PDB file of N, CA and C in Angstrom:
ATOM      1  N   UNK A   1     -12.651 -42.279 -19.495  1.00  0.00           N
ATOM      2  CA  UNK A   1     -11.447 -41.909 -18.786  1.00  0.00           C
ATOM      3  C   UNK A   1     -10.219 -42.646 -19.295  1.00  0.00           C
ATOM      4  N   UNK A   2     -10.384 -43.507 -20.255  1.00  0.00           N
ATOM      5  CA  UNK A   2      -9.251 -44.264 -20.788  1.00  0.00           C
ATOM      6  C   UNK A   2      -8.281 -43.337 -21.508  1.00  0.00           C
ATOM      7  N   UNK A   3      -8.776 -42.268 -22.116  1.00  0.00           N
ATOM      8  CA  UNK A   3      -7.898 -41.376 -22.873  1.00  0.00           C
ATOM      9  C   UNK A   3      -6.898 -40.639 -21.976  1.00  0.00           C
ATOM     10  N   UNK A   4      -7.179 -40.472 -20.689  1.00  0.00           N
ATOM     11  CA  UNK A   4      -6.246 -39.794 -19.789  1.00  0.00           C
ATOM     12  C   UNK A   4      -5.008 -40.640 -19.546  1.00  0.00           C
ATOM     13  N   UNK A   5      -5.140 -41.945 -19.583  1.00  0.00           N
ATOM     14  CA  UNK A   5      -3.987 -42.818 -19.330  1.00  0.00           C
ATOM     15  C   UNK A   5      -2.979 -42.811 -20.471  1.00  0.00           C
ATOM     16  N   UNK A   6      -3.366 -42.364 -21.652  1.00  0.00           N
ATOM     17  CA  UNK A   6      -2.447 -42.305 -22.788  1.00  0.00           C
ATOM     18  C   UNK A   6      -1.970 -40.863 -22.957  1.00  0.00           C
ATOM     19  N   UNK A   7      -0.676 -40.559 -22.656  1.00  0.00           N
ATOM     20  CA  UNK A   7      -0.201 -39.175 -22.740  1.00  0.00           C
ATOM     21  C   UNK A   7      -0.053 -38.658 -24.169  1.00  0.00           C
ATOM     22  N   UNK A   8      -0.165 -39.545 -25.166  1.00  0.00           N
ATOM     23  CA  UNK A   8      -0.022 -39.112 -26.557  1.00  0.00           C
ATOM     24  C   UNK A   8      -1.316 -38.570 -27.142  1.00  0.00           C
ATOM     25  N   UNK A   9      -2.431 -38.778 -26.466  1.00  0.00           N
ATOM     26  CA  UNK A   9      -3.714 -38.307 -26.966  1.00  0.00           C
ATOM     27  C   UNK A   9      -4.014 -36.915 -26.428  1.00  0.00           C
ATOM     28  N   UNK A  10      -4.521 -36.038 -27.298  1.00  0.00           N
ATOM     29  CA  UNK A  10      -4.942 -34.730 -26.792  1.00  0.00           C
ATOM     30  C   UNK A  10      -6.214 -34.888 -25.964  1.00  0.00           C
ATOM     31  N   UNK A  11      -6.408 -34.023 -25.001  1.00  0.00           N
ATOM     32  CA  UNK A  11      -7.558 -34.105 -24.111  1.00  0.00           C
ATOM     33  C   UNK A  11      -8.340 -32.814 -24.219  1.00  0.00           C
ATOM     34  N   UNK A  12      -9.613 -32.919 -24.399  1.00  0.00           N
ATOM     35  CA  UNK A  12     -10.447 -31.740 -24.515  1.00  0.00           C
ATOM     36  C   UNK A  12     -10.978 -31.635 -25.925  1.00  0.00           C
ATOM     37  N   UNK A  13     -11.617 -30.559 -26.204  1.00  0.00           N
ATOM     38  CA  UNK A  13     -12.186 -30.378 -27.525  1.00  0.00           C
ATOM     39  C   UNK A  13     -12.600 -28.943 -27.711  1.00  0.00           C
ATOM     40  N   UNK A  14     -13.478 -28.727 -28.659  1.00  0.00           N
ATOM     41  CA  UNK A  14     -13.947 -27.381 -28.948  1.00  0.00           C
ATOM     42  C   UNK A  14     -15.451 -27.348 -28.677  1.00  0.00           C
ATOM     43  N   UNK A  15     -15.910 -26.260 -28.144  1.00  0.00           N
ATOM     44  CA  UNK A  15     -17.340 -26.121 -27.881  1.00  0.00           C
ATOM     45  C   UNK A  15     -17.703 -26.601 -26.494  1.00  0.00           C
ATOM     46  N   UNK A  16     -18.823 -27.380 -26.392  1.00  0.00           N
ATOM     47  CA  UNK A  16     -19.326 -27.820 -25.091  1.00  0.00           C
ATOM     48  C   UNK A  16     -18.390 -28.792 -24.394  1.00  0.00           C
ATOM     49  N   UNK A  17     -17.558 -29.520 -25.156  1.00  0.00           N
ATOM     50  CA  UNK A  17     -16.701 -30.522 -24.526  1.00  0.00           C
ATOM     51  C   UNK A  17     -15.422 -29.923 -23.954  1.00  0.00           C
ATOM     52  N   UNK A  18     -15.196 -28.663 -24.101  1.00  0.00           N
ATOM     53  CA  UNK A  18     -13.993 -28.029 -23.573  1.00  0.00           C
ATOM     54  C   UNK A  18     -13.312 -27.203 -24.653  1.00  0.00           C
ATOM     55  N   UNK A  19     -12.230 -26.564 -24.311  1.00  0.00           N
ATOM     56  CA  UNK A  19     -11.528 -25.747 -25.294  1.00  0.00           C
ATOM     57  C   UNK A  19     -10.072 -26.132 -25.319  1.00  0.00           C
ATOM     58  N   UNK A  20      -9.567 -26.520 -26.443  1.00  0.00           N
ATOM     59  CA  UNK A  20      -8.154 -26.833 -26.576  1.00  0.00           C
ATOM     60  C   UNK A  20      -7.853 -28.282 -26.269  1.00  0.00           C
ATOM     61  N   UNK A  21      -6.590 -28.605 -26.318  1.00  0.00           N
ATOM     62  CA  UNK A  21      -6.136 -29.972 -26.061  1.00  0.00           C
ATOM     63  C   UNK A  21      -5.093 -29.901 -24.964  1.00  0.00           C
ATOM     64  N   UNK A  22      -5.502 -30.151 -23.715  1.00  0.00           N
ATOM     65  CA  UNK A  22      -4.625 -29.952 -22.564  1.00  0.00           C
ATOM     66  C   UNK A  22      -4.242 -31.269 -21.913  1.00  0.00           C
ATOM     67  N   UNK A  23      -3.518 -32.099 -22.626  1.00  0.00           N
ATOM     68  CA  UNK A  23      -3.089 -33.369 -22.041  1.00  0.00           C
ATOM     69  C   UNK A  23      -1.827 -33.828 -22.767  1.00  0.00           C
ATOM     70  N   UNK A  24      -0.811 -34.231 -22.037  1.00  0.00           N
ATOM     71  CA  UNK A  24       0.416 -34.763 -22.640  1.00  0.00           C
ATOM     72  C   UNK A  24       1.220 -33.694 -23.358  1.00  0.00           C
ATOM     73  N   UNK A  25       1.724 -34.050 -24.516  1.00  0.00           N
ATOM     74  CA  UNK A  25       2.592 -33.147 -25.276  1.00  0.00           C
ATOM     75  C   UNK A  25       1.821 -31.926 -25.784  1.00  0.00           C
ATOM     76  N   UNK A  26       0.526 -32.101 -26.051  1.00  0.00           N
ATOM     77  CA  UNK A  26      -0.283 -30.974 -26.528  1.00  0.00           C
ATOM     78  C   UNK A  26      -0.337 -29.852 -25.489  1.00  0.00           C
ATOM     79  N   UNK A  27      -0.474 -30.206 -24.210  1.00  0.00           N
ATOM     80  CA  UNK A  27      -0.503 -29.163 -23.183  1.00  0.00           C
ATOM     81  C   UNK A  27       0.854 -28.483 -23.072  1.00  0.00           C
ATOM     82  N   UNK A  28       1.930 -29.236 -23.277  1.00  0.00           N
ATOM     83  CA  UNK A  28       3.266 -28.631 -23.278  1.00  0.00           C
ATOM     84  C   UNK A  28       3.378 -27.602 -24.395  1.00  0.00           C
ATOM     85  N   UNK A  29       2.865 -27.930 -25.580  1.00  0.00           N
ATOM     86  CA  UNK A  29       2.901 -26.992 -26.705  1.00  0.00           C
ATOM     87  C   UNK A  29       2.020 -25.778 -26.451  1.00  0.00           C
ATOM     88  N   UNK A  30       0.858 -25.991 -25.854  1.00  0.00           N
ATOM     89  CA  UNK A  30      -0.081 -24.893 -25.622  1.00  0.00           C
ATOM     90  C   UNK A  30       0.466 -23.904 -24.606  1.00  0.00           C
ATOM     91  N   UNK A  31       1.070 -24.402 -23.531  1.00  0.00           N
ATOM     92  CA  UNK A  31       1.513 -23.531 -22.455  1.00  0.00           C
ATOM     93  C   UNK A  31       2.985 -23.138 -22.553  1.00  0.00           C
ATOM     94  N   UNK A  32       3.627 -23.425 -23.661  1.00  0.00           N
ATOM     95  CA  UNK A  32       5.034 -23.059 -23.850  1.00  0.00           C
ATOM     96  C   UNK A  32       5.135 -21.876 -24.796  1.00  0.00           C
ATOM     97  N   UNK A  33       6.162 -21.099 -24.586  1.00  0.00           N
ATOM     98  CA  UNK A  33       6.438 -19.964 -25.459  1.00  0.00           C
ATOM     99  C   UNK A  33       7.674 -20.295 -26.290  1.00  0.00           C
ATOM    100  N   UNK A  34       7.500 -20.363 -27.593  1.00  0.00           N
ATOM    101  CA  UNK A  34       8.619 -20.712 -28.473  1.00  0.00           C
ATOM    102  C   UNK A  34       9.550 -19.519 -28.631  1.00  0.00           C
ATOM    103  N   UNK A  35      10.834 -19.797 -28.669  1.00  0.00           N
ATOM    104  CA  UNK A  35      11.816 -18.745 -28.915  1.00  0.00           C
ATOM    105  C   UNK A  35      12.939 -19.318 -29.765  1.00  0.00           C
ATOM    106  N   UNK A  36      13.623 -18.453 -30.463  1.00  0.00           N
ATOM    107  CA  UNK A  36      14.722 -18.914 -31.307  1.00  0.00           C
ATOM    108  C   UNK A  36      16.011 -18.943 -30.496  1.00  0.00           C
ATOM    109  N   UNK A  37      16.815 -19.967 -30.733  1.00  0.00           N
ATOM    110  CA  UNK A  37      18.078 -20.151 -30.029  1.00  0.00           C
ATOM    111  C   UNK A  37      19.143 -20.473 -31.062  1.00  0.00           C
ATOM    112  N   UNK A  38      20.274 -19.796 -30.960  1.00  0.00           N
ATOM    113  CA  UNK A  38      21.378 -20.054 -31.873  1.00  0.00           C
ATOM    114  C   UNK A  38      22.431 -20.874 -31.139  1.00  0.00           C
ATOM    115  N   UNK A  39      22.717 -22.051 -31.652  1.00  0.00           N
ATOM    116  CA  UNK A  39      23.678 -22.940 -31.021  1.00  0.00           C
ATOM    117  C   UNK A  39      25.074 -22.814 -31.616  1.00  0.00           C
ATOM    118  N   UNK A  40      25.174 -22.387 -32.853  1.00  0.00           N
ATOM    119  CA  UNK A  40      26.449 -22.393 -33.549  1.00  0.00           C
ATOM    120  C   UNK A  40      26.794 -20.975 -33.991  1.00  0.00           C
ATOM    121  N   UNK A  41      28.044 -20.587 -33.783  1.00  0.00           N
ATOM    122  CA  UNK A  41      28.505 -19.276 -34.211  1.00  0.00           C
ATOM    123  C   UNK A  41      29.205 -19.396 -35.555  1.00  0.00           C
ATOM    124  N   UNK A  42      29.233 -18.307 -36.272  1.00  0.00           N
ATOM    125  CA  UNK A  42      30.004 -18.236 -37.505  1.00  0.00           C
ATOM    126  C   UNK A  42      31.482 -18.193 -37.141  1.00  0.00           C
ATOM    127  N   UNK A  43      32.345 -18.691 -37.985  1.00  0.00           N
ATOM    128  CA  UNK A  43      33.776 -18.803 -37.685  1.00  0.00           C
ATOM    129  C   UNK A  43      34.387 -17.442 -37.347  1.00  0.00           C
ATOM    130  N   UNK A  44      33.992 -16.409 -38.062  1.00  0.00           N
ATOM    131  CA  UNK A  44      34.607 -15.094 -37.872  1.00  0.00           C
ATOM    132  C   UNK A  44      33.932 -14.259 -36.787  1.00  0.00           C
ATOM    133  N   UNK A  45      32.869 -14.772 -36.162  1.00  0.00           N
ATOM    134  CA  UNK A  45      32.207 -14.033 -35.087  1.00  0.00           C
ATOM    135  C   UNK A  45      33.075 -14.018 -33.839  1.00  0.00           C
ATOM    136  N   UNK A  46      32.997 -12.916 -33.104  1.00  0.00           N
ATOM    137  CA  UNK A  46      33.712 -12.834 -31.837  1.00  0.00           C
ATOM    138  C   UNK A  46      32.728 -13.131 -30.711  1.00  0.00           C
ATOM    139  N   UNK A  47      33.236 -13.611 -29.609  1.00  0.00           N
ATOM    140  CA  UNK A  47      32.372 -14.013 -28.491  1.00  0.00           C
ATOM    141  C   UNK A  47      31.662 -12.820 -27.863  1.00  0.00           C
ATOM    142  N   UNK A  48      32.218 -11.616 -27.988  1.00  0.00           N
ATOM    143  CA  UNK A  48      31.619 -10.434 -27.372  1.00  0.00           C
ATOM    144  C   UNK A  48      30.331 -10.012 -28.077  1.00  0.00           C
ATOM    145  N   UNK A  49      30.026 -10.620 -29.215  1.00  0.00           N
ATOM    146  CA  UNK A  49      28.831 -10.239 -29.952  1.00  0.00           C
ATOM    147  C   UNK A  49      27.560 -10.797 -29.316  1.00  0.00           C
ATOM    148  N   UNK A  50      27.662 -11.909 -28.628  1.00  0.00           N
ATOM    149  CA  UNK A  50      26.488 -12.599 -28.121  1.00  0.00           C
ATOM    150  C   UNK A  50      26.420 -12.560 -26.600  1.00  0.00           C
ATOM    151  N   UNK A  51      25.201 -12.487 -26.075  1.00  0.00           N
ATOM    152  CA  UNK A  51      25.004 -12.543 -24.636  1.00  0.00           C
ATOM    153  C   UNK A  51      25.085 -13.984 -24.187  1.00  0.00           C
ATOM    154  N   UNK A  52      25.330 -14.300 -22.952  1.00  0.00           N
ATOM    155  CA  UNK A  52      25.581 -13.404 -21.834  1.00  0.00           C
ATOM    156  C   UNK A  52      26.990 -12.836 -21.889  1.00  0.00           C
ATOM    157  N   UNK A  53      27.109 -11.584 -21.493  1.00  0.00           N
ATOM    158  CA  UNK A  53      28.399 -10.907 -21.547  1.00  0.00           C
ATOM    159  C   UNK A  53      29.205 -11.184 -20.284  1.00  0.00           C
ATOM    160  N   UNK A  54      30.479 -11.460 -20.468  1.00  0.00           N
ATOM    161  CA  UNK A  54      31.404 -11.580 -19.345  1.00  0.00           C
ATOM    162  C   UNK A  54      31.789 -10.172 -18.902  1.00  0.00           C
ATOM    163  N   UNK A  55      32.389 -10.005 -17.732  1.00  0.00           N
ATOM    164  CA  UNK A  55      32.821  -8.663 -17.322  1.00  0.00           C
ATOM    165  C   UNK A  55      33.777  -8.022 -18.331  1.00  0.00           C
ATOM    166  N   UNK A  56      34.676  -8.815 -18.922  1.00  0.00           N
ATOM    167  CA  UNK A  56      35.593  -8.278 -19.929  1.00  0.00           C
ATOM    168  C   UNK A  56      34.834  -7.823 -21.173  1.00  0.00           C
ATOM    169  N   UNK A  57      33.845  -8.607 -21.598  1.00  0.00           N
ATOM    170  CA  UNK A  57      33.052  -8.238 -22.770  1.00  0.00           C
ATOM    171  C   UNK A  57      32.249  -6.967 -22.502  1.00  0.00           C
ATOM    172  N   UNK A  58      31.757  -6.804 -21.265  1.00  0.00           N
ATOM    173  CA  UNK A  58      31.037  -5.573 -20.921  1.00  0.00           C
ATOM    174  C   UNK A  58      31.953  -4.352 -20.998  1.00  0.00           C
ATOM    175  N   UNK A  59      33.204  -4.522 -20.559  1.00  0.00           N
ATOM    176  CA  UNK A  59      34.154  -3.408 -20.647  1.00  0.00           C
ATOM    177  C   UNK A  59      34.430  -3.058 -22.104  1.00  0.00           C
ATOM    178  N   UNK A  60      34.622  -4.078 -22.947  1.00  0.00           N
ATOM    179  CA  UNK A  60      34.856  -3.817 -24.366  1.00  0.00           C
ATOM    180  C   UNK A  60      33.658  -3.124 -25.000  1.00  0.00           C
ATOM    181  N   UNK A  61      32.469  -3.597 -24.684  1.00  0.00           N
ATOM    182  CA  UNK A  61      31.269  -3.001 -25.240  1.00  0.00           C
ATOM    183  C   UNK A  61      31.102  -1.563 -24.763  1.00  0.00           C
ATOM    184  N   UNK A  62      31.378  -1.322 -23.490  1.00  0.00           N
ATOM    185  CA  UNK A  62      31.299   0.042 -22.966  1.00  0.00           C
ATOM    186  C   UNK A  62      32.302   0.969 -23.625  1.00  0.00           C
ATOM    187  N   UNK A  63      33.522   0.461 -23.873  1.00  0.00           N
ATOM    188  CA  UNK A  63      34.539   1.279 -24.539  1.00  0.00           C
ATOM    189  C   UNK A  63      34.158   1.550 -25.987  1.00  0.00           C
ATOM    190  N   UNK A  64      33.543   0.574 -26.641  1.00  0.00           N
ATOM    191  CA  UNK A  64      33.156   0.755 -28.042  1.00  0.00           C
ATOM    192  C   UNK A  64      31.994   1.732 -28.178  1.00  0.00           C
ATOM    193  N   UNK A  65      31.098   1.755 -27.197  1.00  0.00           N
ATOM    194  CA  UNK A  65      29.929   2.627 -27.274  1.00  0.00           C
ATOM    195  C   UNK A  65      30.148   3.993 -26.639  1.00  0.00           C
ATOM    196  N   UNK A  66      31.286   4.175 -25.968  1.00  0.00           N
ATOM    197  CA  UNK A  66      31.581   5.447 -25.317  1.00  0.00           C
ATOM    198  C   UNK A  66      31.926   6.491 -26.375  1.00  0.00           C
ATOM    199  N   UNK A  67      31.212   7.609 -26.432  1.00  0.00           N
ATOM    200  CA  UNK A  67      31.522   8.620 -27.445  1.00  0.00           C
ATOM    201  C   UNK A  67      32.844   9.327 -27.134  1.00  0.00           C
ATOM    202  N   UNK A  68      33.634   9.541 -28.163  1.00  0.00           N
ATOM    203  CA  UNK A  68      34.921  10.225 -28.001  1.00  0.00           C
ATOM    204  C   UNK A  68      34.668  11.731 -28.004  1.00  0.00           C
ATOM    205  N   UNK A  69      35.094  12.446 -26.958  1.00  0.00           N
ATOM    206  CA  UNK A  69      34.894  13.897 -26.922  1.00  0.00           C
ATOM    207  C   UNK A  69      35.660  14.596 -28.052  1.00  0.00           C
ATOM    208  N   UNK A  70      35.142  15.753 -28.464  1.00  0.00           N
ATOM    209  CA  UNK A  70      35.760  16.502 -29.553  1.00  0.00           C
ATOM    210  C   UNK A  70      37.189  16.931 -29.223  1.00  0.00           C
ATOM    211  N   UNK A  71      37.443  17.254 -27.976  1.00  0.00           N
ATOM    212  CA  UNK A  71      38.798  17.671 -27.599  1.00  0.00           C
ATOM    213  C   UNK A  71      39.786  16.522 -27.798  1.00  0.00           C
ATOM    214  N   UNK A  72      39.360  15.287 -27.531  1.00  0.00           N
ATOM    215  CA  UNK A  72      40.235  14.128 -27.757  1.00  0.00           C
ATOM    216  C   UNK A  72      40.469  13.928 -29.249  1.00  0.00           C
ATOM    217  N   UNK A  73      39.427  14.182 -30.061  1.00  0.00           N
ATOM    218  CA  UNK A  73      39.582  14.036 -31.507  1.00  0.00           C
ATOM    219  C   UNK A  73      40.605  15.041 -32.035  1.00  0.00           C
ATOM    220  N   UNK A  74      40.509  16.281 -31.579  1.00  0.00           N
ATOM    221  CA  UNK A  74      41.466  17.302 -32.026  1.00  0.00           C
ATOM    222  C   UNK A  74      42.869  16.968 -31.550  1.00  0.00           C
ATOM    223  N   UNK A  75      42.978  16.495 -30.315  1.00  0.00           N
ATOM    224  CA  UNK A  75      44.292  16.136 -29.785  1.00  0.00           C
ATOM    225  C   UNK A  75      44.889  14.967 -30.557  1.00  0.00           C
ATOM    226  N   UNK A  76      44.071  13.996 -30.943  1.00  0.00           N
ATOM    227  CA  UNK A  76      44.601  12.855 -31.693  1.00  0.00           C
ATOM    228  C   UNK A  76      45.068  13.276 -33.079  1.00  0.00           C
ATOM    229  N   UNK A  77      44.383  14.234 -33.710  1.00  0.00           N
ATOM    230  CA  UNK A  77      44.841  14.753 -35.007  1.00  0.00           C
ATOM    231  C   UNK A  77      46.168  15.474 -34.833  1.00  0.00           C
ATOM    232  N   UNK A  78      46.301  16.260 -33.769  1.00  0.00           N
ATOM    233  CA  UNK A  78      47.553  16.974 -33.507  1.00  0.00           C
ATOM    234  C   UNK A  78      48.693  15.991 -33.266  1.00  0.00           C
ATOM    235  N   UNK A  79      48.453  14.963 -32.468  1.00  0.00           N
ATOM    236  CA  UNK A  79      49.489  13.959 -32.186  1.00  0.00           C
ATOM    237  C   UNK A  79      49.875  13.228 -33.461  1.00  0.00           C
ATOM    238  N   UNK A  80      48.912  12.910 -34.314  1.00  0.00           N
ATOM    239  CA  UNK A  80      49.215  12.232 -35.575  1.00  0.00           C
ATOM    240  C   UNK A  80      50.065  13.117 -36.478  1.00  0.00           C
ATOM    241  N   UNK A  81      49.761  14.414 -36.540  1.00  0.00           N
ATOM    242  CA  UNK A  81      50.561  15.329 -37.362  1.00  0.00           C
ATOM    243  C   UNK A  81      51.980  15.465 -36.826  1.00  0.00           C
ATOM    244  N   UNK A  82      52.139  15.578 -35.519  1.00  0.00           N
ATOM    245  CA  UNK A  82      53.472  15.667 -34.916  1.00  0.00           C
ATOM    246  C   UNK A  82      54.259  14.392 -35.189  1.00  0.00           C
ATOM    247  N   UNK A  83      53.608  13.237 -35.088  1.00  0.00           N
ATOM    248  CA  UNK A  83      54.289  11.973 -35.371  1.00  0.00           C
ATOM    249  C   UNK A  83      54.702  11.897 -36.830  1.00  0.00           C
ATOM    250  N   UNK A  84      53.846  12.353 -37.735  1.00  0.00           N
ATOM    251  CA  UNK A  84      54.174  12.339 -39.162  1.00  0.00           C
ATOM    252  C   UNK A  84      55.351  13.259 -39.463  1.00  0.00           C
ATOM    253  N   UNK A  85      55.357  14.446 -38.869  1.00  0.00           N
ATOM    254  CA  UNK A  85      56.488  15.368 -39.054  1.00  0.00           C
ATOM    255  C   UNK A  85      57.760  14.750 -38.487  1.00  0.00           C
ATOM    256  N   UNK A  86      57.664  14.092 -37.344  1.00  0.00           N
ATOM    257  CA  UNK A  86      58.830  13.433 -36.754  1.00  0.00           C
ATOM    258  C   UNK A  86      59.372  12.328 -37.648  1.00  0.00           C
ATOM    259  N   UNK A  87      58.497  11.552 -38.253  1.00  0.00           N
ATOM    260  CA  UNK A  87      58.940  10.485 -39.158  1.00  0.00           C
ATOM    261  C   UNK A  87      59.612  11.069 -40.388  1.00  0.00           C
ATOM    262  N   UNK A  88      59.014  12.120 -40.952  1.00  0.00           N
ATOM    263  CA  UNK A  88      59.610  12.758 -42.141  1.00  0.00           C
ATOM    264  C   UNK A  88      60.976  13.338 -41.802  1.00  0.00           C
ATOM    265  N   UNK A  89      61.106  14.019 -40.668  1.00  0.00           N
ATOM    266  CA  UNK A  89      62.400  14.580 -40.274  1.00  0.00           C
ATOM    267  C   UNK A  89      63.432  13.484 -40.017  1.00  0.00           C
ATOM    268  N   UNK A  90      63.005  12.372 -39.445  1.00  0.00           N
ATOM    269  CA  UNK A  90      63.933  11.268 -39.202  1.00  0.00           C
ATOM    270  C   UNK A  90      64.424  10.675 -40.514  1.00  0.00           C
ATOM    271  N   UNK A  91      63.546  10.595 -41.505  1.00  0.00           N
ATOM    272  CA  UNK A  91      63.961  10.057 -42.812  1.00  0.00           C
ATOM    273  C   UNK A  91      64.884  11.032 -43.525  1.00  0.00           C
ATOM    274  N   UNK A  92      64.559  12.329 -43.480  1.00  0.00           N
ATOM    275  CA  UNK A  92      65.364  13.337 -44.191  1.00  0.00           C
ATOM    276  C   UNK A  92      66.757  13.456 -43.579  1.00  0.00           C
ATOM    277  N   UNK A  93      66.877  13.476 -42.264  1.00  0.00           N
ATOM    278  CA  UNK A  93      68.168  13.699 -41.614  1.00  0.00           C
ATOM    279  C   UNK A  93      68.890  12.401 -41.252  1.00  0.00           C
ATOM    280  N   UNK A  94      68.401  11.279 -41.677  1.00  0.00           N
ATOM    281  CA  UNK A  94      69.075  10.011 -41.369  1.00  0.00           C
ATOM    282  C   UNK A  94      70.157   9.684 -42.368  1.00  0.00           C
TER     283      UNK A  94
END
């Protein structure tokens, strides 16, 4: 029973003496699930790229993922053409 008092020693064995090493740090490793964690962002990364999302980031993400209807696409082309004609007329008659 002396080995139980030392938390650095694994406890247990393989076969008839037990299975695995369930004592101290070894039991922490056995019963833990490893996952990757990123602590540092790249300089050019924006905060909206990583979770957890703030309410503002959720709105931005929703706007970015919202599909633009075809009628809006046609209207934006029409508005761009009207603006271009207006700019050309302003330059010609100025």
